[in-house]
Protein backbone atom coordinates (compact mmCIF):
# COMPACT_ATOMS: atom_id res chain seq x y z
CA MET A 1 0.00 0.01 -0.01
CA LYS A 2 2.99 2.33 0.56
CA LYS A 3 3.71 2.04 -3.15
CA LEU A 4 0.13 3.04 -3.97
CA LEU A 5 0.35 6.08 -1.67
CA SER A 6 3.60 7.23 -3.25
CA LEU A 7 2.00 6.99 -6.68
CA ALA A 8 -0.93 9.02 -5.39
CA LEU A 9 1.43 11.79 -4.25
CA ILE A 10 3.16 11.81 -7.64
CA GLY A 11 -0.27 12.10 -9.25
CA PHE A 12 -1.07 15.04 -7.02
CA SER A 13 2.05 16.89 -8.10
CA PHE A 14 1.25 16.28 -11.74
CA HIS A 15 -2.45 17.12 -11.69
CA PHE A 16 -2.14 20.18 -9.46
CA ALA A 17 0.86 21.67 -11.23
CA ALA A 18 -1.42 23.29 -13.80
CA ILE A 19 -3.61 24.83 -11.08
CA SER A 20 -2.15 27.93 -9.49
CA GLN A 21 -2.26 28.68 -5.78
CA VAL A 22 -3.36 25.23 -4.70
CA ASN A 23 -2.73 24.26 -1.06
CA ILE A 24 -1.60 20.70 -0.44
CA SER A 25 -2.59 19.38 2.98
CA ASN A 26 0.22 18.24 5.30
CA LEU A 27 -2.11 15.95 7.26
CA LYS A 28 -0.73 12.43 7.37
CA THR A 29 -3.02 9.84 5.75
CA VAL A 30 -2.50 6.09 6.00
CA TRP A 31 -4.62 3.69 3.94
CA GLY A 32 -5.04 -0.01 4.51
CA PRO A 33 -5.36 -2.48 1.62
CA GLU A 34 -8.64 -2.94 -0.24
CA ILE A 35 -11.06 -5.70 0.69
CA LYS A 36 -13.81 -7.02 -1.55
CA SER A 37 -17.43 -7.22 -0.49
CA THR A 38 -20.44 -8.74 -2.16
CA LYS A 39 -23.40 -7.17 -3.91
CA GLN A 40 -25.59 -8.11 -0.97
CA SER A 41 -23.42 -6.37 1.64
CA THR A 42 -23.65 -2.77 2.89
CA PHE A 43 -20.92 -1.10 4.95
CA GLU A 44 -22.75 0.31 7.96
CA GLY A 45 -19.94 2.17 9.71
CA ILE A 46 -17.19 2.20 12.32
CA VAL A 47 -18.59 1.03 15.68
CA GLY A 48 -15.68 0.86 18.12
CA LYS A 49 -12.01 1.23 18.98
CA ASP A 50 -9.59 -0.24 21.50
CA SER A 51 -5.80 -0.18 22.00
CA GLU A 52 -5.26 -2.52 19.05
CA ASN A 53 -8.23 -2.48 16.68
CA ILE A 54 -10.83 -0.43 14.89
CA TYR A 55 -14.16 -2.30 14.60
CA ALA A 56 -16.53 -1.89 11.69
CA LEU A 57 -19.82 -3.45 10.63
CA GLN A 58 -21.22 -4.80 7.39
CA GLU A 59 -24.82 -5.85 6.90
CA TYR A 60 -26.06 -8.39 4.40
CA ALA A 61 -29.44 -8.33 2.68
CA SER A 62 -31.72 -11.17 3.72
CA ARG A 63 -35.32 -12.18 3.46
CA GLY A 64 -37.74 -11.40 6.26
CA ASP A 65 -36.93 -9.41 9.39
CA ALA A 66 -33.71 -11.21 10.33
CA THR A 67 -30.37 -9.49 9.70
CA LYS A 68 -26.99 -11.02 8.84
CA ILE A 69 -24.05 -8.93 10.02
CA GLU A 70 -20.29 -9.18 9.75
CA LEU A 71 -17.88 -7.69 12.28
CA LEU A 72 -14.50 -6.54 10.95
CA ALA A 73 -11.41 -5.78 13.06
CA TYR A 74 -8.72 -3.51 11.55
CA ASP A 75 -5.27 -2.86 13.00
CA ASN A 76 -5.51 0.75 14.14
CA LYS A 77 -1.91 1.46 13.16
CA THR A 78 -1.55 -0.15 9.71
CA MET A 79 -5.32 -0.13 8.92
CA LYS A 80 -5.01 -3.69 7.64
CA LEU A 81 -7.93 -6.10 8.15
CA ARG A 82 -6.93 -8.51 10.92
CA LYS A 83 -10.04 -10.66 11.06
CA SER A 84 -13.72 -10.75 10.32
CA SER A 85 -16.62 -12.93 11.29
CA ILE A 86 -20.29 -13.38 10.48
CA ILE A 87 -22.25 -12.91 13.72
CA LYS A 88 -25.24 -15.19 14.10
CA LEU A 89 -27.88 -13.06 15.77
CA ASP A 90 -30.56 -15.76 16.12
CA GLU A 91 -28.46 -18.53 17.63
CA ASN A 92 -30.43 -18.47 20.90
CA ILE A 93 -33.57 -16.58 19.83
CA SER A 94 -34.96 -16.91 16.32
CA ASN A 95 -35.82 -14.08 13.93
CA LYS A 96 -33.56 -11.45 15.54
CA SER A 97 -32.74 -8.21 13.77
CA LEU A 98 -29.96 -5.79 14.59
CA GLU A 99 -30.83 -2.42 16.15
CA GLN A 100 -27.26 -1.19 16.66
CA VAL A 101 -23.76 -2.07 17.90
CA THR A 102 -22.47 0.18 20.69
CA GLN A 103 -19.19 0.46 22.55
CA LEU A 104 -19.21 0.70 26.35
CA GLY A 105 -15.72 1.20 27.72
CA GLU A 106 -13.59 -1.46 26.01
CA ASN A 107 -16.56 -3.74 25.29
CA LEU A 108 -18.86 -4.03 22.27
CA TYR A 109 -22.57 -4.85 22.62
CA ALA A 110 -25.11 -5.87 20.01
CA PHE A 111 -28.65 -4.52 20.57
CA THR A 112 -31.15 -6.68 18.75
CA TYR A 113 -34.90 -6.96 18.56
CA VAL A 114 -37.49 -9.62 17.76
CA THR A 115 -40.93 -8.88 16.32
CA ASP A 116 -43.46 -11.53 17.28
CA LYS A 117 -46.59 -11.22 15.15
CA LYS A 118 -48.41 -13.91 17.11
CA THR A 119 -48.15 -12.12 20.46
CA ASP A 120 -48.10 -8.59 18.91
CA LYS A 121 -44.90 -7.77 20.79
CA LYS A 122 -41.57 -6.29 19.82
CA THR A 123 -38.72 -7.03 22.25
CA LEU A 124 -35.26 -5.47 22.61
CA TYR A 125 -32.26 -7.54 23.78
CA VAL A 126 -28.57 -6.95 24.38
CA GLN A 127 -25.58 -9.31 24.13
CA GLU A 128 -21.89 -8.66 24.54
CA ILE A 129 -19.65 -9.38 21.57
CA ASP A 130 -16.56 -11.49 22.29
CA LYS A 131 -13.86 -9.54 20.45
CA LYS A 132 -11.44 -12.47 20.37
CA SER A 133 -13.80 -14.98 18.80
CA MET A 134 -15.89 -12.29 17.06
CA THR A 135 -19.08 -13.99 18.24
CA LEU A 136 -21.96 -13.16 20.58
CA LYS A 137 -21.60 -14.30 24.16
CA SER A 138 -24.34 -16.64 25.35
CA LYS A 139 -25.85 -14.30 27.97
CA THR A 140 -28.88 -12.50 26.56
CA THR A 141 -30.59 -9.71 28.52
CA GLN A 142 -34.08 -8.47 27.72
CA LEU A 143 -34.24 -4.68 28.03
CA ALA A 144 -37.67 -3.50 26.86
CA GLN A 145 -40.86 -4.60 25.13
CA ILE A 146 -43.51 -2.90 23.04
CA ASP A 147 -47.05 -4.21 22.75
CA PHE A 148 -48.13 -2.96 19.35
CA GLY A 149 -51.51 -4.72 19.39
CA ASN A 150 -53.71 -4.07 16.37
CA ASN A 151 -51.30 -1.44 15.01
CA GLY A 152 -48.83 -4.07 13.73
CA ARG A 153 -49.40 -3.46 10.06
CA ARG A 154 -49.00 0.27 10.31
CA ASN A 155 -46.70 0.89 13.27
CA ARG A 156 -44.87 -1.51 15.58
CA GLY A 157 -43.08 1.16 17.63
CA ASN A 158 -39.43 2.05 17.82
CA PHE A 159 -36.48 1.59 20.17
CA ASN A 160 -33.68 4.14 20.74
CA VAL A 161 -30.50 3.49 22.72
CA ALA A 162 -28.15 6.15 24.13
CA VAL A 163 -25.10 5.97 26.38
CA SER A 164 -23.81 8.57 28.86
CA LYS A 165 -20.42 10.15 28.06
CA ASN A 166 -18.78 8.38 31.02
CA ASP A 167 -20.17 4.98 29.84
CA GLU A 168 -21.85 4.45 33.24
CA TYR A 169 -25.50 4.62 32.16
CA ILE A 170 -27.56 3.26 29.28
CA LEU A 171 -30.86 4.76 28.23
CA VAL A 172 -33.48 2.72 26.35
CA ASN A 173 -36.27 4.81 24.97
CA TYR A 174 -39.24 3.20 23.23
CA ILE A 175 -42.21 4.81 21.54
CA ASN A 176 -45.49 2.92 21.68
CA PRO A 177 -47.94 3.03 18.79
CA ARG A 178 -50.97 5.17 19.51
CA GLU A 179 -54.19 3.43 20.50
CA GLY A 180 -56.53 5.79 18.68
CA LYS A 181 -56.48 8.61 16.18
CA TYR A 182 -56.38 11.31 18.82
CA SER A 183 -54.45 9.46 21.52
CA LYS A 184 -51.37 10.99 23.08
CA GLN A 185 -47.76 9.98 22.52
CA ARG A 186 -46.63 7.31 24.99
CA VAL A 187 -42.89 7.24 25.58
CA GLY A 188 -41.20 4.55 27.68
CA ILE A 189 -37.87 5.24 29.38
CA LYS A 190 -35.60 2.67 31.03
CA VAL A 191 -32.22 3.50 32.59
CA PHE A 192 -29.62 0.77 33.24
CA ASP A 193 -26.17 0.78 34.77
CA LYS A 194 -23.14 -0.38 32.78
CA ASP A 195 -23.91 -4.02 33.74
CA PHE A 196 -27.45 -3.63 32.41
CA LYS A 197 -29.06 -3.70 35.81
CA LEU A 198 -32.34 -1.72 35.69
CA LEU A 199 -32.13 1.42 37.81
CA TRP A 200 -35.47 3.03 37.01
CA GLU A 201 -38.18 3.12 34.38
CA LYS A 202 -41.03 5.36 33.37
CA LEU A 203 -43.93 5.10 30.95
CA ASP A 204 -44.98 8.68 30.36
CA GLU A 205 -47.91 10.05 28.39
CA LEU A 206 -46.86 13.30 26.76
CA GLU A 207 -49.20 16.23 26.32
CA PHE A 208 -49.49 16.00 22.56
CA PRO A 209 -51.02 13.54 20.07
CA ASP A 210 -48.29 11.53 18.38
CA ASP A 211 -49.29 12.89 14.96
CA ASN A 212 -47.99 16.26 16.18
CA PHE A 213 -45.00 15.28 18.36
CA VAL A 214 -41.75 14.20 16.73
CA LEU A 215 -38.90 12.94 18.89
CA LYS A 216 -35.76 14.80 17.79
CA LYS A 217 -33.10 13.78 20.28
CA MET A 218 -32.53 12.24 23.69
CA GLU A 219 -29.53 12.40 26.03
CA ILE A 220 -28.56 10.68 29.26
CA SER A 221 -26.21 12.52 31.59
CA ASN A 222 -23.25 11.26 33.59
CA ASN A 223 -25.59 11.23 36.60
CA GLY A 224 -28.24 9.08 34.96
CA ASN A 225 -30.71 11.88 34.26
CA VAL A 226 -32.64 11.79 30.97
CA PHE A 227 -33.48 14.63 28.59
CA VAL A 228 -35.92 14.23 25.69
CA LEU A 229 -36.27 16.87 22.97
CA GLY A 230 -39.25 16.83 20.65
CA ASN A 231 -40.83 19.00 18.00
CA VAL A 232 -44.51 19.89 18.35
CA ILE A 233 -45.76 20.32 14.80
CA PRO A 234 -49.02 22.25 14.57
CA GLU A 235 -51.75 21.47 12.09
CA LYS A 236 -51.04 22.94 8.65
CA ARG A 237 -54.02 25.27 8.78
CA VAL A 238 -52.66 27.03 11.92
CA ARG A 239 -48.92 26.87 11.15
CA SER A 240 -47.32 30.27 11.58
CA SER A 241 -44.30 31.97 13.18
CA ASN A 242 -45.72 31.82 16.70
CA LYS A 243 -47.01 28.25 16.51
CA GLN A 244 -43.82 26.29 15.97
CA GLU A 245 -42.77 24.79 19.30
CA PHE A 246 -40.19 22.47 20.77
CA GLN A 247 -40.61 20.67 24.08
CA LEU A 248 -37.81 19.49 26.36
CA TYR A 249 -38.52 16.94 29.09
CA ALA A 250 -36.03 16.42 31.94
CA TYR A 251 -36.32 13.24 34.07
CA THR A 252 -34.29 13.49 37.26
CA ASP A 253 -34.19 11.85 40.72
CA LEU A 254 -34.57 8.33 39.27
CA GLY A 255 -37.47 9.51 37.13
CA GLU A 256 -39.50 10.80 40.07
CA GLU A 257 -39.15 14.43 39.08
CA ILE A 258 -40.18 15.60 35.60
CA VAL A 259 -39.61 19.12 34.33
CA GLN A 260 -41.13 20.30 31.04
CA TYR A 261 -39.55 23.16 29.14
CA PRO A 262 -41.63 24.73 26.35
CA LEU A 263 -38.95 26.16 24.08
CA ILE A 264 -40.56 29.07 22.28
CA ILE A 265 -38.81 32.17 20.95
CA LYS A 266 -41.13 35.12 20.65
CA ASP A 267 -41.63 36.46 17.10
CA LYS A 268 -39.28 33.81 15.68
CA TYR A 269 -39.93 30.50 13.97
CA ILE A 270 -37.63 27.75 15.28
CA ASP A 271 -36.49 25.83 12.25
CA GLN A 272 -33.94 23.45 13.77
CA MET A 273 -32.81 22.68 17.30
CA THR A 274 -30.45 20.23 19.00
CA LEU A 275 -29.10 19.74 22.52
CA SER A 276 -26.13 18.50 24.51
CA LEU A 277 -25.24 18.27 28.20
CA THR A 278 -22.35 19.58 30.28
CA GLU A 279 -20.60 17.58 32.98
CA ASN A 280 -22.89 19.10 35.67
CA ASP A 281 -26.13 18.50 33.71
CA ASP A 282 -26.56 21.99 32.36
CA ILE A 283 -28.56 21.85 29.12
CA ILE A 284 -27.02 23.34 26.01
CA VAL A 285 -29.41 24.16 23.17
CA GLY A 286 -28.37 25.44 19.75
CA GLY A 287 -30.44 26.02 16.69
CA LEU A 288 -31.60 27.97 13.64
CA TYR A 289 -34.51 30.41 13.50
CA GLY A 290 -36.40 32.42 10.94
CA LYS A 291 -39.34 34.75 10.65
CA ASP A 292 -41.41 32.09 8.92
CA ILE A 293 -41.35 28.37 8.13
CA TYR A 294 -39.49 28.70 4.82
CA LYS A 295 -36.30 30.63 5.51
CA VAL A 296 -33.54 30.59 8.14
CA SER A 297 -32.36 34.05 9.10
CA GLY A 298 -30.15 33.49 12.17
CA THR A 299 -28.78 31.25 14.93
CA PHE A 300 -29.58 31.04 18.62
CA TYR A 301 -28.11 29.52 21.78
CA LEU A 302 -29.56 28.73 25.21
CA ARG A 303 -27.92 27.43 28.38
CA ILE A 304 -30.33 26.08 31.03
CA ASP A 305 -29.14 25.46 34.58
CA GLY A 306 -29.69 21.79 35.39
CA ASN A 307 -30.55 22.47 39.01
CA THR A 308 -32.67 25.64 38.93
CA GLN A 309 -34.18 25.02 35.46
CA GLN A 310 -33.56 28.71 34.69
CA VAL A 311 -32.03 30.07 31.50
CA GLU A 312 -28.50 31.14 32.43
CA ALA A 313 -27.44 32.52 29.07
CA SER A 314 -29.04 33.17 25.71
CA SER A 315 -27.81 34.64 22.48
CA PHE A 316 -29.21 35.36 19.02
CA LYS A 317 -27.30 36.36 15.91
CA GLU A 318 -29.07 37.43 12.74
CA PHE A 319 -27.42 36.65 9.43
CA PRO A 320 -26.28 39.86 7.70
CA LEU A 321 -27.45 40.27 4.13
CA ASN A 322 -24.00 39.58 2.68
CA PHE A 323 -23.87 36.29 4.61
CA ILE A 324 -27.16 35.22 3.03
CA THR A 325 -26.16 36.27 -0.48
CA GLU A 326 -22.65 34.85 -0.22
CA GLY A 327 -22.20 32.29 -3.00
CA MET A 328 -25.29 33.34 -4.96
CA SER A 329 -25.15 34.10 -8.65
CA GLU A 330 -25.09 37.79 -9.50
CA LYS A 331 -28.70 37.64 -10.70
CA HIS A 332 -29.93 35.84 -7.57
CA GLU A 333 -27.95 38.19 -5.33
CA LYS A 334 -29.54 41.31 -6.86
CA LYS A 335 -32.99 39.79 -6.57
CA THR A 336 -32.44 38.99 -2.89
CA GLU A 337 -31.12 42.47 -2.16
CA LYS A 338 -34.19 44.05 -3.75
CA LYS A 339 -36.44 41.91 -1.58
CA ALA A 340 -34.54 43.01 1.53
CA GLU A 341 -34.80 46.67 0.49
CA LYS A 342 -38.60 46.28 0.24
CA GLY A 343 -38.71 44.81 3.79
CA LYS A 344 -39.46 41.28 2.63
CA ASP A 345 -38.10 38.31 4.50
CA VAL A 346 -34.88 36.82 3.08
CA GLY A 347 -32.86 33.92 4.41
CA LEU A 348 -31.27 30.53 3.81
CA VAL A 349 -33.18 27.35 3.02
CA ASN A 350 -32.89 23.59 3.53
CA TYR A 351 -30.32 23.59 6.35
CA GLU A 352 -30.04 20.66 8.78
CA LEU A 353 -28.19 20.69 12.14
CA ARG A 354 -25.38 18.13 12.20
CA ASN A 355 -23.08 18.58 15.22
CA LEU A 356 -22.95 20.31 18.62
CA THR A 357 -19.72 20.14 20.63
CA ILE A 358 -18.67 21.54 24.01
CA ALA A 359 -15.01 22.47 24.52
CA ASN A 360 -13.12 22.23 27.81
CA ASP A 361 -13.29 26.02 28.29
CA GLY A 362 -17.09 26.00 27.97
CA SER A 363 -17.24 27.39 24.43
CA ILE A 364 -19.74 25.83 22.05
CA THR A 365 -19.66 25.00 18.36
CA PHE A 366 -22.62 23.83 16.36
CA ILE A 367 -22.81 23.07 12.68
CA ALA A 368 -25.50 22.97 10.01
CA GLU A 369 -25.39 21.82 6.39
CA GLN A 370 -27.61 22.61 3.44
CA SER A 371 -29.13 19.28 2.39
CA TYR A 372 -32.10 18.47 0.17
CA VAL A 373 -33.38 16.06 -2.47
CA VAL A 374 -34.91 16.93 -5.85
CA VAL A 375 -37.41 14.35 -7.10
CA ASN A 376 -38.21 14.24 -10.82
CA THR A 377 -40.97 12.00 -12.15
CA TYR A 378 -41.44 11.67 -15.89
CA THR A 379 -42.76 9.38 -18.62
CA ASP A 380 -40.13 7.70 -20.78
CA ALA A 381 -40.35 6.98 -24.55
CA ASN A 382 -42.11 3.67 -23.85
CA GLY A 383 -44.81 5.27 -21.72
CA HIS A 384 -43.41 4.07 -18.39
CA MET A 385 -43.30 6.32 -15.34
CA ARG A 386 -39.76 6.94 -14.08
CA THR A 387 -38.54 8.72 -10.98
CA THR A 388 -35.05 10.10 -10.35
CA TYR A 389 -33.57 11.43 -7.14
CA THR A 390 -30.82 14.04 -7.05
CA TYR A 391 -29.14 14.63 -3.69
CA TYR A 392 -27.63 17.99 -2.81
CA ASP A 393 -25.27 18.53 0.15
CA ASN A 394 -23.95 22.06 -0.04
CA ASP A 395 -22.61 24.86 2.15
CA ILE A 396 -21.77 24.36 5.84
CA ILE A 397 -22.54 26.89 8.57
CA MET A 398 -20.34 26.86 11.66
CA VAL A 399 -21.48 28.77 14.74
CA PHE A 400 -19.07 29.83 17.53
CA VAL A 401 -20.38 30.53 21.07
CA ASN A 402 -17.87 31.90 23.62
CA PRO A 403 -17.66 30.61 27.23
CA GLU A 404 -19.84 33.56 28.35
CA GLY A 405 -22.69 32.28 26.19
CA GLN A 406 -22.59 34.80 23.35
CA ILE A 407 -22.62 33.86 19.67
CA VAL A 408 -19.39 35.37 18.40
CA GLU A 409 -19.53 34.46 14.75
CA ASN A 410 -21.40 32.57 12.05
CA ILE A 411 -19.08 31.16 9.37
CA LYS A 412 -20.07 29.77 5.99
CA ILE A 413 -17.91 27.08 4.37
CA PRO A 414 -18.61 26.81 0.62
CA LYS A 415 -19.34 23.31 -0.70
CA TYR A 416 -21.22 22.05 -3.76
CA GLN A 417 -22.18 18.36 -4.03
CA LYS A 418 -24.75 16.95 -6.43
CA SER A 419 -25.24 13.23 -7.16
CA SER A 420 -27.68 10.38 -7.62
CA THR A 421 -26.61 8.88 -4.28
CA SER A 422 -25.79 10.57 -0.97
CA MET A 423 -23.22 7.89 -0.09
CA PHE A 424 -20.21 10.07 -0.96
CA SER A 425 -21.64 13.45 0.00
CA SER A 426 -21.63 15.59 3.18
CA TYR A 427 -18.49 15.81 5.35
CA VAL A 428 -16.66 14.26 8.27
CA LEU A 429 -15.67 16.57 11.14
CA GLY A 430 -12.43 16.45 13.12
CA LEU A 431 -11.61 18.58 16.17
CA ASN A 432 -8.12 19.16 17.58
CA ASP A 433 -7.23 21.81 20.15
CA ASP A 434 -8.32 25.14 18.63
CA LYS A 435 -8.98 23.93 15.08
CA ALA A 436 -11.84 22.28 13.22
CA PHE A 437 -11.27 20.12 10.16
CA PHE A 438 -14.01 19.56 7.58
CA ILE A 439 -13.14 16.76 5.15
CA PHE A 440 -15.28 16.15 2.08
CA ASN A 441 -15.28 15.23 -1.60
CA ASP A 442 -14.93 18.09 -4.06
CA ASN A 443 -14.52 18.73 -7.77
CA ILE A 444 -10.81 19.08 -8.54
CA LYS A 445 -11.48 22.27 -10.53
CA ASN A 446 -12.68 24.00 -7.31
CA LEU A 447 -9.15 23.96 -5.87
CA ALA A 448 -8.42 27.16 -7.80
CA ILE A 449 -11.86 28.73 -7.30
CA ASN A 450 -12.69 30.91 -4.29
CA GLU A 451 -16.12 32.15 -5.37
CA ARG A 452 -18.98 29.81 -4.46
CA SER A 453 -21.04 30.91 -7.45
CA LYS A 454 -18.33 29.69 -9.82
CA MET A 455 -17.76 26.33 -8.18
CA ARG A 456 -18.29 23.08 -10.09
CA PRO A 457 -20.36 20.33 -8.40
CA PHE A 458 -18.84 17.14 -7.06
CA THR A 459 -20.80 14.43 -8.84
CA GLY A 460 -18.86 11.25 -8.22
CA GLN A 461 -15.55 9.51 -8.95
CA LYS A 462 -14.76 11.57 -12.03
CA LYS A 463 -12.66 14.67 -11.21
CA ALA A 464 -13.04 13.95 -7.48
CA VAL A 465 -10.59 15.10 -4.87
CA ALA A 466 -10.87 14.86 -1.09
CA VAL A 467 -10.24 18.24 0.53
CA VAL A 468 -9.87 19.50 4.07
CA VAL A 469 -11.06 22.94 5.16
CA THR A 470 -9.29 23.97 8.34
CA VAL A 471 -10.97 26.61 10.51
CA ASN A 472 -8.84 28.16 13.28
CA GLU A 473 -9.99 29.90 16.47
CA ASP A 474 -10.19 33.26 14.67
CA GLY A 475 -12.63 31.81 12.11
CA LYS A 476 -10.14 31.90 9.25
CA GLN A 477 -10.47 29.14 6.65
CA ARG A 478 -7.81 27.29 4.67
CA LYS A 479 -8.78 24.79 2.00
CA SER A 480 -6.24 22.11 1.03
CA ALA A 481 -6.15 19.05 -1.21
CA LEU A 482 -5.96 15.84 0.79
CA PHE A 483 -5.91 13.08 -1.85
CA ASN A 484 -6.88 12.50 -5.44
CA ALA A 485 -9.66 9.88 -5.68
CA LYS A 486 -8.51 8.59 -9.05
CA GLU A 487 -4.89 8.20 -8.04
CA VAL A 488 -5.57 6.58 -4.67
CA GLY A 489 -8.22 4.39 -6.26
CA THR A 490 -11.01 5.02 -3.78
CA LEU A 491 -13.66 7.63 -3.00
CA LEU A 492 -14.21 9.03 0.47
CA ARG A 493 -17.43 8.08 2.33
CA PRO A 494 -17.77 10.89 4.87
CA LYS A 495 -20.98 9.78 6.60
CA VAL A 496 -19.50 6.47 7.83
CA SER A 497 -16.11 7.99 8.72
CA LYS A 498 -15.62 9.26 12.26
CA GLN A 499 -13.41 10.72 14.97
CA PHE A 500 -13.55 9.17 18.42
CA GLU A 501 -13.82 11.60 21.33
CA SER A 502 -10.46 10.61 22.78
CA GLY A 503 -7.99 10.93 19.95
CA ASP A 504 -6.46 13.14 17.30
CA GLU A 505 -7.25 10.84 14.40
CA ILE A 506 -10.11 10.61 11.94
CA TYR A 507 -10.82 7.09 10.68
CA ILE A 508 -12.03 7.33 7.12
CA VAL A 509 -13.73 4.88 4.76
CA GLY A 510 -13.04 4.69 1.05
CA GLN A 511 -15.07 2.77 -1.49
CA LYS A 512 -14.92 2.11 -5.23
CA GLY A 513 -17.56 -0.28 -6.47
CA LYS A 514 -17.57 -3.14 -3.96
CA LYS A 515 -13.97 -2.56 -2.89
CA LEU A 516 -13.57 -1.04 0.57
CA SER A 517 -10.58 0.34 2.43
CA LEU A 518 -10.11 2.07 5.77
CA GLY A 519 -7.69 4.87 6.44
CA ARG A 520 -6.46 7.10 9.23
CA ILE A 521 -5.85 10.84 9.14
CA THR A 522 -3.72 12.32 11.92
CA LEU A 523 -4.74 15.87 12.85
CA ASP A 524 -2.15 18.49 13.67
């Protein structure tokens, strides 16, 4: 593989020589050898890390509800595949399907579920994975159960699993199907210790019909307290700027105390919101707002004291007009400016919150990305209806909040991705000291282009280059070429690449056809 990497660097020098003022990244990248997978397999992602290995998961298509999965162990230094094994989920209980694989400390656990149509029940289990034999250990623990009754054809309920940052507590959240058209959302909560001993449980009936309440995120703190964030979506006929509402539920004191926070911002429409927790259970909320449902015009931040339930700090930062028009074509920019002059609402559209991180000094960073799908249905020459999907993952917004709780700056990182699959789009984020690293696929012609409106779209393997945009603590950006997809022989898959919280490396996944390879980027 060293030979392949040296060829890739030679290719970089050749291809970039004709492009003036191109920055070449000095980040060290190590690739492991390619492995072949089958047409039936799908690489699901990186699921764990220990002192020796990186663990990844592949899933195989199968008939019925059962799932066939393969666990892969890679040497975390050379990135070579050490061993792999098909894990038999239904060895002890038949018809098991995988919910997720989660790391707790040094151990890996498989969360699985069984849907029993005869008893109308859906049951969640957990088993430890033996990392030496790459098999499931015999002990199976039942964690939760949903009785979906007569709703089985339409809705069998869902399980969600979350782990506290200190790996001491496990939260199992399950949403029961509604019993009637106007029944309220019923959310079950179970909290376990790291040995999966049940500490407390709660079956709570929320204040809103489940047609109107959408669970957005849940967190469990290092003290075993649970926080559930949901979006209350009003009926279409009454939807307006003062009707959009988010609700935050805090379950403390072993579930005995429940605090409900209606999160409403006067005269502003909350478009997106996410949350995280500090070490002492303070609630950090970051999001996007607008004046109506269609456009985003600014960012906001809230810090809620975990003990007093009072808002300690809040900040709002409106996007200036030049921030909104940045990257627009000249025609679109003039049109937007005229709207603003007439007092009409202008803003950004189709942004989704991706990350929220808390630094050691108490500063906050949260990130949003423009992401949408264009669906085109047409009739072909033979009279058959055809539908195509085009996926767009474009500019990134990065929001800085200082330790005092004030939004210091909104930064826009230009990006233009357009393809028939979202597999190679979006970005992977790396954090190291006072820098943020955004790594994504780009069109090689954009290395010499600074204006967003002149950028060419990344559309796939052809003319693809992986780039890294480094943002320092002053908000300054530097875009550099990381590797040439054609020369290295693989295309970055950002969504299944990741950085672990403890470490200065990003583990990346490359794929070309059914050939997969894992790599490691060292941040400095």
